[in-house]
Amino acid sequence: MMANHMEHEDQRETVEAVAEDGAAKAEPSKADASQPDPAAALAAERDELKDRVLRTLAEMENLRRRTEREVADARTYAVTNFARDLLTAADNIRRAIESVPAEARESADGAFKALLDGIELTERDLAKTFDRHGVKLLEPKGQRFDPNRHQAMFEVPDAEVPSGTVVQVMQAGYVLGDRVLRPALVGVAKGGPKPAATPADAA
């Protein structure tokens, strides 16, 4: 009977040892399951780095384009102040020519004719210089009034001309590229039919 009891004790200890050994072997597998997949971690890190590179390249491209625009604008509008200062000279030349009556210009001869020709030549040369540097004369007569380019000085009652049409130019205007150097001083028709709608108005 004592032998049977000892045998049962040995069997119980053997079962417990096997169970403990199984539990010990199972624990590492649980720990392994909780660990992140190295391949997935590397893939996530790769995607993040790729995204950063693409964002950096896009920012560099935007910076390059912005710099190109700024350089182009600086080149185009570098003469703005100088050109604006020359407008007074252009006005004075035009006034000098217009101050001579048409019949006096037609009958001019000798030194007086040479003087008139010289003034007109100076005006043409100045106009060519303006054009070479992107300065354009505004000729709004007959056009629809544009508050961005014209300055209305008075209104002219005229039932035959669409309202808002420029009918008189008091002082010429000039633009440099897309910028207005000086708006044209104009008289605008009033009382006529409404102007036809344009696609820009519809938009």
N, C-alpha and C. Protein backbone atom coordinates (compact mmCIF):
# COMPACT_ATOMS: atom_id res chain seq x y z
N MET A 1 0.83 -1.19 0.00
CA MET A 1 0.00 0.00 0.00
C MET A 1 0.87 1.24 0.00
N MET A 2 1.90 1.22 0.75
CA MET A 2 2.87 2.33 0.78
C MET A 2 3.48 2.50 -0.62
N ALA A 3 3.70 1.40 -1.30
CA ALA A 3 4.30 1.46 -2.64
C ALA A 3 3.35 2.12 -3.61
N ASN A 4 2.04 1.79 -3.47
CA ASN A 4 1.05 2.43 -4.36
C ASN A 4 0.99 3.93 -4.13
N HIS A 5 1.07 4.33 -2.85
CA HIS A 5 1.02 5.76 -2.53
C HIS A 5 2.22 6.48 -3.13
N MET A 6 3.37 5.89 -3.05
CA MET A 6 4.58 6.50 -3.60
C MET A 6 4.48 6.60 -5.13
N GLU A 7 3.88 5.59 -5.73
CA GLU A 7 3.76 5.60 -7.19
C GLU A 7 2.84 6.73 -7.64
N HIS A 8 1.73 6.90 -6.87
CA HIS A 8 0.80 8.00 -7.21
C HIS A 8 1.47 9.36 -7.05
N GLU A 9 2.28 9.49 -6.03
CA GLU A 9 2.99 10.76 -5.81
C GLU A 9 3.95 11.05 -6.98
N ASP A 10 4.64 9.99 -7.41
CA ASP A 10 5.57 10.18 -8.54
C ASP A 10 4.83 10.60 -9.81
N GLN A 11 3.67 9.97 -10.02
CA GLN A 11 2.89 10.32 -11.23
C GLN A 11 2.40 11.77 -11.15
N ARG A 12 1.95 12.18 -9.94
CA ARG A 12 1.45 13.55 -9.79
C ARG A 12 2.56 14.57 -10.03
N GLU A 13 3.75 14.29 -9.50
CA GLU A 13 4.88 15.20 -9.70
C GLU A 13 5.27 15.26 -11.18
N THR A 14 5.21 14.09 -11.84
CA THR A 14 5.54 14.06 -13.27
C THR A 14 4.57 14.91 -14.07
N VAL A 15 3.27 14.80 -13.78
CA VAL A 15 2.23 15.58 -14.48
C VAL A 15 2.43 17.06 -14.24
N GLU A 16 2.72 17.44 -12.98
CA GLU A 16 2.94 18.86 -12.66
C GLU A 16 4.17 19.41 -13.39
N ALA A 17 5.22 18.58 -13.47
CA ALA A 17 6.45 19.01 -14.16
C ALA A 17 6.18 19.24 -15.64
N VAL A 18 5.41 18.30 -16.22
CA VAL A 18 5.07 18.43 -17.64
C VAL A 18 4.23 19.68 -17.87
N ALA A 19 3.29 19.95 -16.97
CA ALA A 19 2.43 21.13 -17.10
C ALA A 19 3.24 22.41 -16.99
N GLU A 20 4.16 22.42 -15.98
CA GLU A 20 5.00 23.61 -15.83
C GLU A 20 5.88 23.83 -17.05
N ASP A 21 6.42 22.74 -17.59
CA ASP A 21 7.27 22.85 -18.76
C ASP A 21 6.49 23.36 -19.97
N GLY A 22 5.22 22.90 -20.09
CA GLY A 22 4.37 23.37 -21.19
C GLY A 22 4.04 24.83 -21.05
N ALA A 23 3.79 25.25 -19.80
CA ALA A 23 3.48 26.67 -19.58
C ALA A 23 4.68 27.54 -19.88
N ALA A 24 5.87 27.03 -19.51
CA ALA A 24 7.09 27.80 -19.78
C ALA A 24 7.33 27.94 -21.27
N LYS A 25 7.00 26.87 -22.02
CA LYS A 25 7.17 26.93 -23.47
C LYS A 25 6.12 27.83 -24.12
N ALA A 26 4.95 27.92 -23.51
CA ALA A 26 3.88 28.72 -24.09
C ALA A 26 4.11 30.21 -23.90
N GLU A 27 4.77 30.59 -22.80
CA GLU A 27 4.97 32.01 -22.49
C GLU A 27 5.73 32.77 -23.57
N PRO A 28 6.83 32.25 -24.11
CA PRO A 28 7.53 32.97 -25.17
C PRO A 28 6.65 33.21 -26.39
N SER A 29 5.77 32.26 -26.72
CA SER A 29 4.93 32.43 -27.90
C SER A 29 3.96 33.58 -27.69
N LYS A 30 3.46 33.73 -26.42
CA LYS A 30 2.58 34.87 -26.14
C LYS A 30 3.36 36.17 -26.28
N ALA A 31 4.58 36.20 -25.80
CA ALA A 31 5.41 37.40 -25.89
C ALA A 31 5.71 37.73 -27.34
N ASP A 32 5.97 36.68 -28.15
CA ASP A 32 6.25 36.90 -29.56
C ASP A 32 5.04 37.49 -30.27
N ALA A 33 3.84 37.08 -29.88
CA ALA A 33 2.63 37.56 -30.53
C ALA A 33 2.42 39.04 -30.26
N SER A 34 2.85 39.53 -29.10
CA SER A 34 2.66 40.94 -28.76
C SER A 34 3.69 41.85 -29.43
N GLN A 35 4.74 41.30 -29.96
CA GLN A 35 5.78 42.10 -30.63
C GLN A 35 5.30 42.51 -32.03
N PRO A 36 5.57 43.82 -32.48
CA PRO A 36 5.17 44.24 -33.82
C PRO A 36 5.98 43.50 -34.89
N ASP A 37 5.34 43.37 -36.06
CA ASP A 37 5.98 42.69 -37.17
C ASP A 37 7.10 43.58 -37.72
N PRO A 38 8.36 43.13 -37.71
CA PRO A 38 9.47 43.97 -38.21
C PRO A 38 9.27 44.41 -39.65
N ALA A 39 8.74 43.54 -40.48
CA ALA A 39 8.53 43.89 -41.88
C ALA A 39 7.50 45.01 -42.03
N ALA A 40 6.43 44.94 -41.24
CA ALA A 40 5.40 45.98 -41.29
C ALA A 40 5.96 47.31 -40.80
N ALA A 41 6.79 47.26 -39.75
CA ALA A 41 7.39 48.48 -39.21
C ALA A 41 8.30 49.13 -40.25
N LEU A 42 9.09 48.31 -40.94
CA LEU A 42 9.97 48.84 -41.98
C LEU A 42 9.18 49.44 -43.13
N ALA A 43 8.09 48.77 -43.49
CA ALA A 43 7.25 49.29 -44.58
C ALA A 43 6.63 50.63 -44.20
N ALA A 44 6.17 50.74 -42.96
CA ALA A 44 5.59 52.01 -42.50
C ALA A 44 6.63 53.12 -42.49
N GLU A 45 7.83 52.78 -42.03
CA GLU A 45 8.91 53.78 -42.01
C GLU A 45 9.28 54.20 -43.42
N ARG A 46 9.31 53.22 -44.34
CA ARG A 46 9.61 53.53 -45.74
C ARG A 46 8.57 54.47 -46.33
N ASP A 47 7.28 54.18 -46.07
CA ASP A 47 6.20 55.02 -46.61
C ASP A 47 6.28 56.43 -46.04
N GLU A 48 6.62 56.54 -44.77
CA GLU A 48 6.72 57.87 -44.15
C GLU A 48 7.87 58.67 -44.78
N LEU A 49 9.01 58.01 -44.97
CA LEU A 49 10.15 58.69 -45.59
C LEU A 49 9.84 59.09 -47.02
N LYS A 50 9.15 58.21 -47.75
CA LYS A 50 8.78 58.51 -49.13
C LYS A 50 7.86 59.72 -49.18
N ASP A 51 6.90 59.78 -48.24
CA ASP A 51 5.98 60.90 -48.18
C ASP A 51 6.73 62.21 -47.89
N ARG A 52 7.70 62.14 -46.98
CA ARG A 52 8.49 63.34 -46.65
C ARG A 52 9.29 63.82 -47.86
N VAL A 53 9.87 62.87 -48.59
CA VAL A 53 10.66 63.22 -49.78
C VAL A 53 9.78 63.88 -50.83
N LEU A 54 8.58 63.32 -51.05
CA LEU A 54 7.67 63.88 -52.04
C LEU A 54 7.22 65.29 -51.64
N ARG A 55 6.94 65.48 -50.36
CA ARG A 55 6.53 66.80 -49.88
C ARG A 55 7.66 67.81 -50.06
N THR A 56 8.88 67.37 -49.74
CA THR A 56 10.04 68.27 -49.89
C THR A 56 10.26 68.65 -51.35
N LEU A 57 10.12 67.66 -52.25
CA LEU A 57 10.28 67.95 -53.67
C LEU A 57 9.21 68.92 -54.16
N ALA A 58 7.97 68.74 -53.68
CA ALA A 58 6.89 69.64 -54.08
C ALA A 58 7.14 71.06 -53.58
N GLU A 59 7.61 71.18 -52.35
CA GLU A 59 7.92 72.50 -51.80
C GLU A 59 9.05 73.17 -52.58
N MET A 60 10.06 72.38 -52.95
CA MET A 60 11.17 72.94 -53.73
C MET A 60 10.70 73.41 -55.10
N GLU A 61 9.79 72.66 -55.73
CA GLU A 61 9.27 73.04 -57.03
C GLU A 61 8.45 74.33 -56.93
N ASN A 62 7.63 74.42 -55.87
CA ASN A 62 6.84 75.65 -55.66
C ASN A 62 7.76 76.84 -55.42
N LEU A 63 8.81 76.63 -54.66
CA LEU A 63 9.77 77.70 -54.39
C LEU A 63 10.47 78.14 -55.68
N ARG A 64 10.82 77.16 -56.53
CA ARG A 64 11.47 77.49 -57.79
C ARG A 64 10.55 78.33 -58.68
N ARG A 65 9.29 77.93 -58.77
CA ARG A 65 8.35 78.67 -59.61
C ARG A 65 8.11 80.07 -59.06
N ARG A 66 7.96 80.17 -57.73
CA ARG A 66 7.74 81.48 -57.13
C ARG A 66 8.93 82.41 -57.35
N THR A 67 10.13 81.84 -57.24
CA THR A 67 11.34 82.64 -57.46
C THR A 67 11.42 83.10 -58.91
N GLU A 68 11.07 82.22 -59.85
CA GLU A 68 11.09 82.60 -61.26
C GLU A 68 10.11 83.74 -61.53
N ARG A 69 8.91 83.65 -60.91
CA ARG A 69 7.93 84.72 -61.09
C ARG A 69 8.43 86.05 -60.52
N GLU A 70 9.04 85.97 -59.33
CA GLU A 70 9.54 87.19 -58.71
C GLU A 70 10.67 87.82 -59.53
N VAL A 71 11.54 86.96 -60.07
CA VAL A 71 12.62 87.48 -60.91
C VAL A 71 12.06 88.12 -62.19
N ALA A 72 11.06 87.45 -62.78
CA ALA A 72 10.44 88.00 -64.00
C ALA A 72 9.75 89.32 -63.70
N ASP A 73 9.03 89.39 -62.58
CA ASP A 73 8.37 90.63 -62.21
C ASP A 73 9.38 91.74 -61.95
N ALA A 74 10.46 91.40 -61.26
CA ALA A 74 11.49 92.40 -60.97
C ALA A 74 12.10 92.93 -62.26
N ARG A 75 12.29 92.03 -63.24
CA ARG A 75 12.86 92.46 -64.51
C ARG A 75 11.87 93.33 -65.29
N THR A 76 10.59 92.94 -65.25
CA THR A 76 9.56 93.67 -66.00
C THR A 76 9.29 95.04 -65.41
N TYR A 77 9.20 95.09 -64.08
CA TYR A 77 8.75 96.32 -63.43
C TYR A 77 9.89 97.13 -62.81
N ALA A 78 11.14 96.79 -63.15
CA ALA A 78 12.28 97.52 -62.57
C ALA A 78 12.28 98.99 -62.99
N VAL A 79 11.71 99.28 -64.17
CA VAL A 79 11.75 100.66 -64.68
C VAL A 79 10.49 101.44 -64.32
N THR A 80 9.68 100.92 -63.42
CA THR A 80 8.39 101.55 -63.11
C THR A 80 8.55 103.02 -62.73
N ASN A 81 9.36 103.30 -61.72
CA ASN A 81 9.50 104.68 -61.25
C ASN A 81 10.11 105.59 -62.33
N PHE A 82 11.11 105.07 -63.03
CA PHE A 82 11.75 105.86 -64.08
C PHE A 82 10.76 106.17 -65.20
N ALA A 83 9.99 105.15 -65.61
CA ALA A 83 9.01 105.35 -66.68
C ALA A 83 7.93 106.34 -66.24
N ARG A 84 7.50 106.24 -65.00
CA ARG A 84 6.48 107.16 -64.51
C ARG A 84 6.98 108.61 -64.53
N ASP A 85 8.26 108.78 -64.20
CA ASP A 85 8.83 110.13 -64.23
C ASP A 85 8.89 110.69 -65.65
N LEU A 86 9.05 109.81 -66.64
CA LEU A 86 9.15 110.27 -68.03
C LEU A 86 7.80 110.63 -68.64
N LEU A 87 6.71 110.24 -67.98
CA LEU A 87 5.39 110.53 -68.54
C LEU A 87 5.15 112.03 -68.65
N THR A 88 5.66 112.78 -67.69
CA THR A 88 5.50 114.24 -67.75
C THR A 88 6.20 114.81 -68.98
N ALA A 89 7.38 114.29 -69.30
CA ALA A 89 8.08 114.73 -70.50
C ALA A 89 7.28 114.41 -71.75
N ALA A 90 6.68 113.22 -71.78
CA ALA A 90 5.85 112.84 -72.93
C ALA A 90 4.64 113.77 -73.05
N ASP A 91 4.04 114.12 -71.90
CA ASP A 91 2.90 115.05 -71.92
C ASP A 91 3.32 116.41 -72.47
N ASN A 92 4.45 116.91 -72.04
CA ASN A 92 4.89 118.23 -72.47
C ASN A 92 5.20 118.26 -73.97
N ILE A 93 5.79 117.18 -74.48
CA ILE A 93 6.07 117.11 -75.91
C ILE A 93 4.76 117.13 -76.71
N ARG A 94 3.76 116.36 -76.23
CA ARG A 94 2.47 116.32 -76.91
C ARG A 94 1.80 117.69 -76.87
N ARG A 95 1.88 118.38 -75.72
CA ARG A 95 1.29 119.72 -75.61
C ARG A 95 1.98 120.70 -76.56
N ALA A 96 3.29 120.59 -76.69
CA ALA A 96 4.02 121.49 -77.59
C ALA A 96 3.56 121.30 -79.03
N ILE A 97 3.35 120.05 -79.43
CA ILE A 97 2.90 119.77 -80.80
C ILE A 97 1.48 120.29 -81.01
N GLU A 98 0.59 120.03 -80.04
CA GLU A 98 -0.81 120.42 -80.18
C GLU A 98 -1.01 121.94 -80.07
N SER A 99 -0.03 122.63 -79.50
CA SER A 99 -0.17 124.09 -79.35
C SER A 99 -0.01 124.82 -80.68
N VAL A 100 0.52 124.15 -81.67
CA VAL A 100 0.70 124.76 -82.99
C VAL A 100 -0.53 124.42 -83.84
N PRO A 101 -1.26 125.42 -84.31
CA PRO A 101 -2.44 125.15 -85.15
C PRO A 101 -2.08 124.33 -86.39
N ALA A 102 -3.05 123.59 -86.86
CA ALA A 102 -2.82 122.70 -88.00
C ALA A 102 -2.37 123.49 -89.23
N GLU A 103 -2.99 124.63 -89.48
CA GLU A 103 -2.62 125.40 -90.67
C GLU A 103 -1.20 125.95 -90.56
N ALA A 104 -0.77 126.28 -89.31
CA ALA A 104 0.59 126.78 -89.12
C ALA A 104 1.60 125.66 -89.37
N ARG A 105 1.25 124.43 -88.97
CA ARG A 105 2.17 123.31 -89.22
C ARG A 105 2.29 123.02 -90.71
N GLU A 106 1.15 123.14 -91.43
CA GLU A 106 1.17 122.84 -92.86
C GLU A 106 1.97 123.88 -93.64
N SER A 107 1.93 125.13 -93.19
CA SER A 107 2.63 126.19 -93.93
C SER A 107 4.01 126.49 -93.37
N ALA A 108 4.43 125.73 -92.37
CA ALA A 108 5.73 126.01 -91.75
C ALA A 108 6.86 125.71 -92.71
N ASP A 109 7.91 126.51 -92.60
CA ASP A 109 9.10 126.27 -93.41
C ASP A 109 10.32 126.77 -92.65
N GLY A 110 11.48 126.49 -93.19
CA GLY A 110 12.70 126.96 -92.59
C GLY A 110 12.94 126.40 -91.20
N ALA A 111 13.42 127.26 -90.31
CA ALA A 111 13.79 126.85 -88.95
C ALA A 111 12.58 126.38 -88.15
N PHE A 112 11.43 127.05 -88.39
CA PHE A 112 10.23 126.67 -87.64
C PHE A 112 9.79 125.24 -88.00
N LYS A 113 9.85 124.92 -89.28
CA LYS A 113 9.48 123.55 -89.70
C LYS A 113 10.48 122.54 -89.13
N ALA A 114 11.76 122.89 -89.13
CA ALA A 114 12.77 121.99 -88.57
C ALA A 114 12.53 121.76 -87.09
N LEU A 115 12.09 122.82 -86.38
CA LEU A 115 11.80 122.70 -84.96
C LEU A 115 10.62 121.75 -84.73
N LEU A 116 9.56 121.91 -85.51
CA LEU A 116 8.39 121.04 -85.38
C LEU A 116 8.75 119.58 -85.70
N ASP A 117 9.52 119.40 -86.77
CA ASP A 117 9.93 118.04 -87.13
C ASP A 117 10.77 117.42 -86.02
N GLY A 118 11.64 118.21 -85.41
CA GLY A 118 12.47 117.70 -84.32
C GLY A 118 11.65 117.29 -83.11
N ILE A 119 10.62 118.09 -82.79
CA ILE A 119 9.76 117.75 -81.65
C ILE A 119 8.98 116.47 -81.93
N GLU A 120 8.46 116.34 -83.14
CA GLU A 120 7.71 115.14 -83.49
C GLU A 120 8.62 113.91 -83.51
N LEU A 121 9.84 114.08 -83.99
CA LEU A 121 10.80 112.97 -83.99
C LEU A 121 11.13 112.55 -82.55
N THR A 122 11.27 113.52 -81.67
CA THR A 122 11.55 113.22 -80.26
C THR A 122 10.39 112.43 -79.64
N GLU A 123 9.16 112.82 -79.98
CA GLU A 123 8.00 112.10 -79.46
C GLU A 123 7.97 110.66 -79.96
N ARG A 124 8.28 110.46 -81.25
CA ARG A 124 8.28 109.09 -81.80
C ARG A 124 9.37 108.24 -81.16
N ASP A 125 10.54 108.83 -80.96
CA ASP A 125 11.64 108.09 -80.32
C ASP A 125 11.29 107.72 -78.88
N LEU A 126 10.66 108.64 -78.18
CA LEU A 126 10.26 108.35 -76.80
C LEU A 126 9.21 107.24 -76.77
N ALA A 127 8.28 107.27 -77.72
CA ALA A 127 7.25 106.23 -77.79
C ALA A 127 7.89 104.86 -78.07
N LYS A 128 8.90 104.84 -78.95
CA LYS A 128 9.60 103.57 -79.23
C LYS A 128 10.34 103.07 -77.99
N THR A 129 10.93 103.99 -77.25
CA THR A 129 11.63 103.60 -76.02
C THR A 129 10.65 103.03 -75.01
N PHE A 130 9.51 103.69 -74.85
CA PHE A 130 8.47 103.18 -73.96
C PHE A 130 8.07 101.76 -74.38
N ASP A 131 7.81 101.60 -75.67
CA ASP A 131 7.36 100.31 -76.19
C ASP A 131 8.40 99.22 -75.96
N ARG A 132 9.67 99.56 -76.13
CA ARG A 132 10.74 98.59 -75.94
C ARG A 132 10.81 98.09 -74.50
N HIS A 133 10.40 98.92 -73.56
CA HIS A 133 10.44 98.54 -72.15
C HIS A 133 9.06 98.15 -71.61
N GLY A 134 8.11 97.92 -72.51
CA GLY A 134 6.81 97.41 -72.08
C GLY A 134 5.82 98.46 -71.63
N VAL A 135 6.12 99.74 -71.85
CA VAL A 135 5.20 100.82 -71.47
C VAL A 135 4.27 101.09 -72.66
N LYS A 136 2.96 100.95 -72.41
CA LYS A 136 1.98 101.11 -73.48
C LYS A 136 1.06 102.29 -73.19
N LEU A 137 0.71 103.00 -74.25
CA LEU A 137 -0.21 104.13 -74.16
C LEU A 137 -1.64 103.61 -74.13
N LEU A 138 -2.45 104.13 -73.23
CA LEU A 138 -3.88 103.78 -73.18
C LEU A 138 -4.63 104.72 -74.12
N GLU A 139 -5.41 104.13 -75.01
CA GLU A 139 -6.22 104.92 -75.95
C GLU A 139 -7.69 104.51 -75.76
N PRO A 140 -8.32 105.02 -74.71
CA PRO A 140 -9.65 104.51 -74.33
C PRO A 140 -10.83 105.14 -75.05
N LYS A 141 -10.62 106.14 -75.89
CA LYS A 141 -11.76 106.80 -76.52
C LYS A 141 -12.58 105.79 -77.33
N GLY A 142 -13.89 105.80 -77.06
CA GLY A 142 -14.79 104.85 -77.72
C GLY A 142 -14.91 103.53 -77.00
N GLN A 143 -14.09 103.31 -75.97
CA GLN A 143 -14.15 102.06 -75.21
C GLN A 143 -15.05 102.23 -73.98
N ARG A 144 -15.40 101.11 -73.41
CA ARG A 144 -16.20 101.14 -72.18
C ARG A 144 -15.32 101.58 -71.01
N PHE A 145 -15.87 102.41 -70.16
CA PHE A 145 -15.11 102.91 -69.01
C PHE A 145 -14.66 101.76 -68.12
N ASP A 146 -13.36 101.77 -67.78
CA ASP A 146 -12.78 100.74 -66.91
C ASP A 146 -12.16 101.45 -65.71
N PRO A 147 -12.78 101.30 -64.53
CA PRO A 147 -12.26 102.01 -63.35
C PRO A 147 -10.85 101.59 -62.95
N ASN A 148 -10.40 100.45 -63.45
CA ASN A 148 -9.04 100.01 -63.14
C ASN A 148 -7.99 100.72 -63.99
N ARG A 149 -8.43 101.30 -65.12
CA ARG A 149 -7.48 101.94 -66.04
C ARG A 149 -7.82 103.39 -66.33
N HIS A 150 -9.04 103.78 -66.04
CA HIS A 150 -9.48 105.13 -66.37
C HIS A 150 -9.96 105.85 -65.11
N GLN A 151 -9.85 107.16 -65.15
CA GLN A 151 -10.39 107.99 -64.07
C GLN A 151 -11.38 108.97 -64.68
N ALA A 152 -12.66 108.83 -64.30
CA ALA A 152 -13.70 109.69 -64.88
C ALA A 152 -13.63 111.07 -64.25
N MET A 153 -13.51 112.10 -65.10
CA MET A 153 -13.44 113.48 -64.64
C MET A 153 -14.78 114.18 -64.75
N PHE A 154 -15.59 113.77 -65.71
CA PHE A 154 -16.91 114.39 -65.88
C PHE A 154 -17.76 113.45 -66.74
N GLU A 155 -19.06 113.75 -66.79
CA GLU A 155 -19.99 112.99 -67.62
C GLU A 155 -20.51 113.89 -68.74
N VAL A 156 -20.73 113.27 -69.89
CA VAL A 156 -21.20 113.99 -71.08
C VAL A 156 -22.56 113.44 -71.48
N PRO A 157 -23.63 114.24 -71.36
CA PRO A 157 -24.96 113.76 -71.79
C PRO A 157 -24.95 113.48 -73.29
N ASP A 158 -25.27 112.26 -73.66
CA ASP A 158 -25.30 111.89 -75.09
C ASP A 158 -26.20 110.67 -75.23
N ALA A 159 -27.37 110.89 -75.83
CA ALA A 159 -28.35 109.82 -75.95
C ALA A 159 -27.98 108.80 -77.03
N GLU A 160 -27.03 109.15 -77.88
CA GLU A 160 -26.68 108.25 -78.99
C GLU A 160 -25.53 107.30 -78.65
N VAL A 161 -24.82 107.58 -77.58
CA VAL A 161 -23.67 106.76 -77.19
C VAL A 161 -24.04 105.95 -75.95
N PRO A 162 -23.71 104.66 -75.92
CA PRO A 162 -24.03 103.85 -74.73
C PRO A 162 -23.44 104.46 -73.46
N SER A 163 -24.23 104.45 -72.41
CA SER A 163 -23.75 104.98 -71.13
C SER A 163 -22.49 104.24 -70.70
N GLY A 164 -21.56 105.02 -70.14
CA GLY A 164 -20.31 104.43 -69.68
C GLY A 164 -19.24 104.35 -70.75
N THR A 165 -19.49 104.89 -71.93
CA THR A 165 -18.49 104.91 -72.99
C THR A 165 -17.59 106.14 -72.83
N VAL A 166 -16.30 105.95 -73.01
CA VAL A 166 -15.35 107.06 -72.94
C VAL A 166 -15.49 107.87 -74.23
N VAL A 167 -15.84 109.16 -74.09
CA VAL A 167 -16.04 110.01 -75.26
C VAL A 167 -14.97 111.10 -75.38
N GLN A 168 -14.21 111.30 -74.30
CA GLN A 168 -13.17 112.33 -74.36
C GLN A 168 -12.02 111.93 -73.45
N VAL A 169 -10.79 112.18 -73.89
CA VAL A 169 -9.60 111.88 -73.10
C VAL A 169 -8.91 113.19 -72.76
N MET A 170 -8.86 113.51 -71.48
CA MET A 170 -8.23 114.74 -71.02
C MET A 170 -6.72 114.56 -70.88
N GLN A 171 -6.32 113.40 -70.42
CA GLN A 171 -4.89 113.10 -70.26
C GLN A 171 -4.67 111.63 -70.56
N ALA A 172 -3.66 111.32 -71.36
CA ALA A 172 -3.39 109.93 -71.75
C ALA A 172 -2.97 109.11 -70.53
N GLY A 173 -3.30 107.85 -70.58
CA GLY A 173 -2.88 106.92 -69.53
C GLY A 173 -1.83 105.97 -70.07
N TYR A 174 -1.11 105.32 -69.15
CA TYR A 174 -0.06 104.39 -69.55
C TYR A 174 -0.10 103.16 -68.63
N VAL A 175 0.29 102.02 -69.19
CA VAL A 175 0.43 100.80 -68.42
C VAL A 175 1.82 100.22 -68.65
N LEU A 176 2.30 99.52 -67.65
CA LEU A 176 3.56 98.78 -67.76
C LEU A 176 3.26 97.33 -67.47
N GLY A 177 3.29 96.50 -68.51
CA GLY A 177 2.87 95.12 -68.32
C GLY A 177 1.39 95.10 -67.96
N ASP A 178 1.07 94.51 -66.82
CA ASP A 178 -0.31 94.47 -66.34
C ASP A 178 -0.61 95.57 -65.32
N ARG A 179 0.36 96.41 -65.05
CA ARG A 179 0.18 97.44 -64.03
C ARG A 179 -0.07 98.80 -64.66
N VAL A 180 -0.94 99.56 -64.04
CA VAL A 180 -1.24 100.90 -64.52
C VAL A 180 -0.21 101.87 -63.96
N LEU A 181 0.53 102.52 -64.86
CA LEU A 181 1.45 103.56 -64.43
C LEU A 181 0.69 104.83 -64.09
N ARG A 182 -0.29 105.14 -64.93
CA ARG A 182 -1.12 106.32 -64.71
C ARG A 182 -2.45 106.10 -65.42
N PRO A 183 -3.58 106.26 -64.71
CA PRO A 183 -4.87 106.08 -65.39
C PRO A 183 -5.14 107.24 -66.34
N ALA A 184 -5.88 106.95 -67.38
CA ALA A 184 -6.28 107.99 -68.32
C ALA A 184 -7.40 108.82 -67.69
N LEU A 185 -7.31 110.14 -67.82
CA LEU A 185 -8.35 111.04 -67.32
C LEU A 185 -9.36 111.25 -68.45
N VAL A 186 -10.61 110.83 -68.21
CA VAL A 186 -11.57 110.76 -69.31
C VAL A 186 -12.91 111.39 -68.94
N GLY A 187 -13.68 111.70 -70.01
CA GLY A 187 -15.07 112.07 -69.90
C GLY A 187 -15.92 110.91 -70.38
N VAL A 188 -17.01 110.62 -69.65
CA VAL A 188 -17.81 109.43 -69.91
C VAL A 188 -19.22 109.82 -70.32
N ALA A 189 -19.75 109.11 -71.32
CA ALA A 189 -21.10 109.39 -71.81
C ALA A 189 -22.14 108.98 -70.78
N LYS A 190 -23.23 109.74 -70.77
CA LYS A 190 -24.33 109.47 -69.84
C LYS A 190 -25.66 109.69 -70.56
N GLY A 191 -26.61 108.84 -70.26
CA GLY A 191 -27.95 109.03 -70.80
C GLY A 191 -28.27 108.21 -72.01
N GLY A 192 -27.29 107.55 -72.61
CA GLY A 192 -27.55 106.73 -73.78
C GLY A 192 -28.03 105.34 -73.40
N PRO A 193 -28.16 104.45 -74.37
CA PRO A 193 -28.59 103.08 -74.07
C PRO A 193 -27.57 102.35 -73.23
N LYS A 194 -28.05 101.35 -72.51
CA LYS A 194 -27.13 100.56 -71.69
C LYS A 194 -26.19 99.78 -72.59
N PRO A 195 -24.90 99.64 -72.17
CA PRO A 195 -23.96 98.88 -72.99
C PRO A 195 -24.31 97.41 -73.03
N ALA A 196 -23.98 96.76 -74.13
CA ALA A 196 -24.25 95.32 -74.25
C ALA A 196 -23.44 94.56 -73.24
N ALA A 197 -24.04 93.50 -72.69
CA ALA A 197 -23.35 92.68 -71.70
C ALA A 197 -22.21 91.91 -72.36
N THR A 198 -21.14 91.77 -71.64
CA THR A 198 -19.97 91.02 -72.13
C THR A 198 -19.86 89.72 -71.37
N PRO A 199 -19.10 88.72 -71.90
CA PRO A 199 -18.91 87.47 -71.16
C PRO A 199 -18.34 87.68 -69.77
N ALA A 200 -17.47 88.69 -69.62
CA ALA A 200 -16.90 88.98 -68.30
C ALA A 200 -17.97 89.42 -67.33
N ASP A 201 -18.94 90.23 -67.83
CA ASP A 201 -20.02 90.67 -66.97
C ASP A 201 -20.89 89.50 -66.55
N ALA A 202 -21.13 88.58 -67.48
CA ALA A 202 -21.95 87.41 -67.16
C ALA A 202 -21.29 86.54 -66.12
N ALA A 203 -19.94 86.42 -66.18
CA ALA A 203 -19.21 85.62 -65.21
C ALA A 203 -19.29 86.27 -63.85
